[in-house]
Amino acid sequence: MFKSKTSKIAGVLLLSASMLLSACGKGDKETSGTAAKNALEQIKSKDKIVIGVKYDTRLFGLKNPSTGDVEGFDIDISKELAKDLLGDAKKVEFKEVTSKTRIPMLNNGDIDAIVATMTISEERKKEVDFSDVYFDAGQSLLVKKGSAIKGLEDLKKGTKVLAVKGSTSAINIRQKAPDTTVLEFENYTEAFTALKAGQGDALTTDDSILYGMADQDSNYELVGGTFTDEPYGIAVKKGNKELVDAINSALKKMKENGKYDEIHKKWIKSH
């Protein structure tokens, strides 16, 4: 009697274990199937592309306090990208990134791509894959009108330059003006506020971004021309050739059908 009951219990346990293993195996297959989907397939599957953009960069990506919408050159390029990939410019979700957070957010899977005044560099190519160049900028200096600083050569010992954390500008200025003190801020809004408060003598980043600040406050101007080449690219997670190819194809179409020029004229104007 006891032996019979024991055998029955053992049989039930074996059956349960077998079912559990079978379920686990099935789950693994399903998971690996999802993982095998490349980034482009995943975007098409969810019928939406999530793009990391700046919320504080006038002309490129700036949140409009009246409407709550993000507006700018990068935003319109992103909408055209969604239109090409998914057939509808509205099938894009924007998430705020800064120079410091954009690569971690991409690699964490929070966003599908970065369209955020991001310079293509050899160092960054180790972490992400880039599209073709979609905008050519160059690093420059923004100062208060009447400033003694007219260019790089004036950034001597005792001067302070403001920059943004995680930007190529902060690295470049240390190399090109080694005697100046560089103060880094979380974003462009903080850096420009600090410049206006007299915490530094100049603010440095790409001329395209500085033009937006000068448009915002006419007491400030760009000086010294550009002293670097800053080609902007759209970044995606490494190893996603299909998505890079699709983005490059969309950019090519924009330039061929006149949409790129239309967006450029709308935001960059005469700059």
Protein backbone atom coordinates (compact mmCIF):
# COMPACT_ATOMS: atom_id res chain seq x y z
CA MET A 1 0.00 0.00 0.00
CA PHE A 2 2.72 2.44 1.10
CA LYS A 3 4.89 1.44 -1.87
CA SER A 4 2.01 1.97 -4.31
CA LYS A 5 1.31 5.48 -2.95
CA THR A 6 5.03 6.35 -3.16
CA SER A 7 5.14 5.20 -6.78
CA LYS A 8 2.11 7.34 -7.63
CA ILE A 9 3.64 10.42 -5.97
CA ALA A 10 6.94 9.85 -7.77
CA GLY A 11 5.06 9.54 -11.07
CA VAL A 12 3.20 12.80 -10.49
CA LEU A 13 6.46 14.58 -9.59
CA LEU A 14 8.18 13.26 -12.72
CA LEU A 15 5.25 14.35 -14.90
CA SER A 16 5.25 17.83 -13.32
CA ALA A 17 9.00 18.17 -13.83
CA SER A 18 8.66 17.06 -17.45
CA MET A 19 5.87 19.61 -18.10
CA LEU A 20 7.89 22.36 -16.42
CA LEU A 21 10.97 21.60 -18.52
CA SER A 22 8.84 21.54 -21.65
CA ALA A 23 7.33 24.93 -20.79
CA CYS A 24 10.77 26.38 -20.04
CA GLY A 25 12.07 25.10 -23.36
CA LYS A 26 9.15 26.67 -25.17
CA GLY A 27 9.73 29.98 -23.39
CA ASP A 28 13.41 29.92 -24.32
CA LYS A 29 12.54 29.38 -27.96
CA GLU A 30 10.07 32.24 -27.91
CA THR A 31 12.56 34.53 -26.17
CA SER A 32 15.37 33.66 -28.55
CA GLY A 33 13.00 34.23 -31.47
CA THR A 34 12.25 37.75 -30.23
CA ALA A 35 15.93 38.46 -29.63
CA ALA A 36 16.74 37.28 -33.14
CA LYS A 37 14.54 40.04 -34.60
CA ASN A 38 16.78 42.84 -35.81
CA ALA A 39 16.12 46.45 -34.78
CA LEU A 40 14.36 47.33 -38.05
CA GLU A 41 11.99 44.35 -37.72
CA GLN A 42 11.25 45.29 -34.11
CA ILE A 43 10.40 48.88 -35.13
CA LYS A 44 8.08 47.61 -37.88
CA SER A 45 6.55 45.06 -35.53
CA LYS A 46 5.63 47.67 -32.89
CA ASP A 47 4.69 50.13 -35.72
CA LYS A 48 6.55 52.95 -33.98
CA ILE A 49 10.10 54.30 -33.80
CA VAL A 50 11.37 55.78 -30.52
CA ILE A 51 13.95 58.50 -31.11
CA GLY A 52 16.17 60.25 -28.58
CA VAL A 53 16.26 64.01 -29.20
CA LYS A 54 17.38 67.14 -27.38
CA TYR A 55 14.73 69.19 -25.57
CA ASP A 56 16.99 72.19 -24.87
CA THR A 57 18.65 72.97 -28.20
CA ARG A 58 17.03 75.84 -30.06
CA LEU A 59 16.66 75.24 -33.85
CA PHE A 60 17.38 71.48 -33.46
CA GLY A 61 15.29 70.12 -30.59
CA LEU A 62 13.51 72.46 -28.19
CA LYS A 63 10.41 71.82 -26.12
CA ASN A 64 7.83 74.52 -26.77
CA PRO A 65 6.54 75.60 -23.32
CA SER A 66 3.19 76.71 -24.81
CA THR A 67 2.31 73.49 -26.65
CA GLY A 68 4.54 70.91 -24.92
CA ASP A 69 5.73 69.79 -28.37
CA VAL A 70 9.40 69.37 -29.24
CA GLU A 71 10.37 71.38 -32.33
CA GLY A 72 13.41 71.78 -34.56
CA PHE A 73 15.54 70.48 -37.40
CA ASP A 74 16.25 67.09 -35.75
CA ILE A 75 12.56 66.69 -34.94
CA ASP A 76 11.44 67.23 -38.54
CA ILE A 77 14.17 64.89 -39.85
CA SER A 78 12.93 62.25 -37.37
CA LYS A 79 9.32 62.64 -38.54
CA GLU A 80 10.41 62.17 -42.16
CA LEU A 81 12.32 59.08 -41.07
CA ALA A 82 9.16 57.63 -39.47
CA LYS A 83 7.23 58.45 -42.62
CA ASP A 84 9.73 56.56 -44.78
CA LEU A 85 10.08 53.54 -42.47
CA LEU A 86 6.47 53.22 -41.29
CA GLY A 87 4.42 55.24 -43.78
CA ASP A 88 3.33 57.88 -41.26
CA ALA A 89 5.26 60.84 -39.81
CA LYS A 90 3.20 60.54 -36.61
CA LYS A 91 4.52 57.04 -35.84
CA VAL A 92 7.45 58.45 -33.87
CA GLU A 93 7.83 58.82 -30.12
CA PHE A 94 10.35 61.34 -28.80
CA LYS A 95 12.35 60.83 -25.63
CA GLU A 96 14.62 63.46 -24.16
CA VAL A 97 18.37 62.79 -24.24
CA THR A 98 21.42 64.86 -23.36
CA SER A 99 24.98 64.49 -24.65
CA LYS A 100 25.69 62.44 -21.52
CA THR A 101 22.62 60.15 -21.52
CA ARG A 102 22.02 59.44 -25.22
CA ILE A 103 24.40 56.46 -25.73
CA PRO A 104 23.44 54.72 -22.44
CA MET A 105 19.73 55.13 -23.30
CA LEU A 106 20.32 53.65 -26.77
CA ASN A 107 22.26 50.68 -25.43
CA ASN A 108 19.67 50.09 -22.66
CA GLY A 109 16.95 49.79 -25.31
CA ASP A 110 15.07 52.91 -24.16
CA ILE A 111 15.30 54.36 -27.68
CA ASP A 112 15.73 52.96 -31.20
CA ALA A 113 17.89 55.78 -32.57
CA ILE A 114 19.55 59.07 -31.64
CA VAL A 115 18.86 62.21 -33.71
CA ALA A 116 20.41 64.77 -31.38
CA THR A 117 23.16 66.98 -32.86
CA MET A 118 25.53 64.01 -32.46
CA THR A 119 28.96 64.30 -34.04
CA ILE A 120 30.31 61.20 -35.77
CA SER A 121 33.67 60.36 -34.19
CA GLU A 122 36.00 57.35 -34.22
CA GLU A 123 35.60 57.01 -30.45
CA ARG A 124 31.81 56.91 -30.67
CA LYS A 125 31.93 54.40 -33.55
CA LYS A 126 33.22 51.90 -30.98
CA GLU A 127 29.92 52.22 -29.11
CA VAL A 128 27.28 52.86 -31.80
CA ASP A 129 26.70 52.60 -35.56
CA PHE A 130 26.15 55.82 -37.50
CA SER A 131 24.17 56.76 -40.57
CA ASP A 132 25.60 58.95 -43.32
CA VAL A 133 26.19 62.60 -42.38
CA TYR A 134 22.89 64.51 -42.24
CA PHE A 135 24.23 67.90 -41.10
CA ASP A 136 27.66 69.58 -41.18
CA ALA A 137 28.49 71.78 -38.21
CA GLY A 138 31.70 73.18 -36.71
CA GLN A 139 32.71 74.10 -33.18
CA SER A 140 32.74 77.80 -32.31
CA LEU A 141 32.56 80.25 -29.40
CA LEU A 142 29.64 82.32 -28.07
CA VAL A 143 30.42 85.47 -26.08
CA LYS A 144 28.64 88.57 -24.83
CA LYS A 145 28.84 91.36 -27.41
CA GLY A 146 31.83 93.59 -26.67
CA SER A 147 33.84 90.73 -25.11
CA ALA A 148 37.63 90.83 -25.36
CA ILE A 149 37.49 87.23 -26.60
CA LYS A 150 37.47 87.21 -30.40
CA GLY A 151 38.70 83.67 -31.00
CA LEU A 152 40.61 80.65 -29.67
CA GLU A 153 43.84 82.64 -29.29
CA ASP A 154 42.20 84.76 -26.56
CA LEU A 155 41.40 81.77 -24.33
CA LYS A 156 44.42 82.21 -22.09
CA LYS A 157 45.11 81.41 -18.45
CA GLY A 158 42.48 83.00 -16.23
CA THR A 159 39.65 82.66 -18.78
CA LYS A 160 36.73 80.28 -18.29
CA VAL A 161 34.91 78.41 -21.04
CA LEU A 162 31.58 76.68 -20.50
CA ALA A 163 30.75 73.36 -22.18
CA VAL A 164 28.33 70.44 -21.87
CA LYS A 165 29.19 67.09 -20.27
CA GLY A 166 29.68 64.20 -22.70
CA SER A 167 30.16 66.47 -25.72
CA THR A 168 33.07 66.42 -28.16
CA SER A 169 33.26 70.19 -27.63
CA ALA A 170 34.51 69.76 -24.05
CA ILE A 171 37.30 67.45 -25.27
CA ASN A 172 38.24 69.68 -28.23
CA ILE A 173 38.47 72.91 -26.25
CA ARG A 174 40.88 71.36 -23.73
CA GLN A 175 43.14 70.34 -26.61
CA LYS A 176 42.92 73.60 -28.54
CA ALA A 177 43.02 76.01 -25.57
CA PRO A 178 44.93 74.10 -22.85
CA ASP A 179 45.42 77.17 -20.62
CA THR A 180 41.74 78.01 -20.19
CA THR A 181 39.55 76.56 -17.42
CA VAL A 182 36.66 74.43 -18.71
CA LEU A 183 33.44 74.24 -16.67
CA GLU A 184 30.99 71.51 -17.71
CA PHE A 185 27.19 71.57 -17.34
CA GLU A 186 24.45 68.95 -17.75
CA ASN A 187 22.81 70.61 -20.77
CA TYR A 188 22.84 73.68 -23.02
CA THR A 189 20.18 75.54 -21.07
CA GLU A 190 22.28 75.35 -17.89
CA ALA A 191 25.46 76.34 -19.76
CA PHE A 192 23.83 79.38 -21.42
CA THR A 193 22.23 80.45 -18.13
CA ALA A 194 25.69 80.25 -16.52
CA LEU A 195 27.22 82.36 -19.31
CA LYS A 196 24.52 85.02 -18.86
CA ALA A 197 25.16 84.95 -15.10
CA GLY A 198 28.84 85.73 -15.72
CA GLN A 199 30.19 82.32 -14.64
CA GLY A 200 32.34 82.09 -17.76
CA ASP A 201 33.84 84.19 -20.56
CA ALA A 202 32.63 82.06 -23.45
CA LEU A 203 30.44 79.06 -24.23
CA THR A 204 31.63 76.48 -26.73
CA THR A 205 29.76 73.92 -28.79
CA ASP A 206 28.74 73.47 -32.43
CA ASP A 207 27.98 76.70 -34.30
CA SER A 208 24.54 75.33 -35.25
CA ILE A 209 23.59 75.17 -31.55
CA LEU A 210 25.20 78.52 -30.71
CA TYR A 211 23.19 80.24 -33.48
CA GLY A 212 20.05 79.16 -31.63
CA MET A 213 21.32 80.80 -28.44
CA ALA A 214 22.25 84.00 -30.27
CA ASP A 215 18.75 84.02 -31.84
CA GLN A 216 17.31 83.71 -28.35
CA ASP A 217 19.35 86.59 -26.89
CA SER A 218 20.76 89.25 -29.21
CA ASN A 219 23.28 90.37 -26.55
CA TYR A 220 25.40 87.36 -27.54
CA GLU A 221 27.32 86.60 -30.72
CA LEU A 222 29.55 83.95 -32.30
CA VAL A 223 33.24 84.83 -32.68
CA GLY A 224 36.34 83.32 -34.28
CA GLY A 225 34.64 81.21 -36.93
CA THR A 226 34.73 77.40 -36.65
CA PHE A 227 37.78 75.45 -35.52
CA THR A 228 36.59 71.85 -35.97
CA ASP A 229 34.43 69.80 -38.34
CA GLU A 230 31.35 68.34 -36.62
CA PRO A 231 29.48 66.02 -39.00
CA TYR A 232 26.18 64.92 -37.42
CA GLY A 233 24.98 61.35 -37.82
CA ILE A 234 21.96 59.32 -36.69
CA ALA A 235 23.11 56.68 -34.19
CA VAL A 236 21.72 53.18 -33.67
CA LYS A 237 22.80 50.23 -31.56
CA LYS A 238 25.89 48.45 -32.91
CA GLY A 239 25.37 45.61 -35.35
CA ASN A 240 22.11 46.86 -36.89
CA LYS A 241 23.15 47.17 -40.53
CA GLU A 242 19.56 46.80 -41.79
CA LEU A 243 18.42 49.81 -39.77
CA VAL A 244 21.44 51.92 -40.81
CA ASP A 245 20.77 51.07 -44.47
CA ALA A 246 17.08 51.97 -44.10
CA ILE A 247 17.97 55.31 -42.45
CA ASN A 248 20.53 56.10 -45.17
CA SER A 249 17.95 55.31 -47.83
CA ALA A 250 15.43 57.65 -46.13
CA LEU A 251 18.04 60.46 -45.89
CA LYS A 252 18.89 60.02 -49.58
CA LYS A 253 15.21 60.30 -50.54
CA MET A 254 14.82 63.46 -48.42
CA LYS A 255 17.73 65.10 -50.22
CA GLU A 256 16.51 64.00 -53.66
CA ASN A 257 12.86 65.06 -53.25
CA GLY A 258 13.67 68.48 -51.75
CA LYS A 259 12.31 67.71 -48.27
CA TYR A 260 15.76 68.05 -46.66
CA ASP A 261 16.29 71.52 -48.16
CA GLU A 262 12.80 72.53 -47.01
CA ILE A 263 13.55 71.48 -43.41
CA HIS A 264 17.01 73.11 -43.55
CA LYS A 265 15.60 76.46 -44.73
CA LYS A 266 12.83 76.34 -42.13
CA TRP A 267 15.19 76.00 -39.16
CA ILE A 268 18.72 77.00 -40.14
CA LYS A 269 17.71 79.91 -42.38
CA SER A 270 20.72 82.06 -43.35
CA HIS A 271 23.12 80.63 -40.77
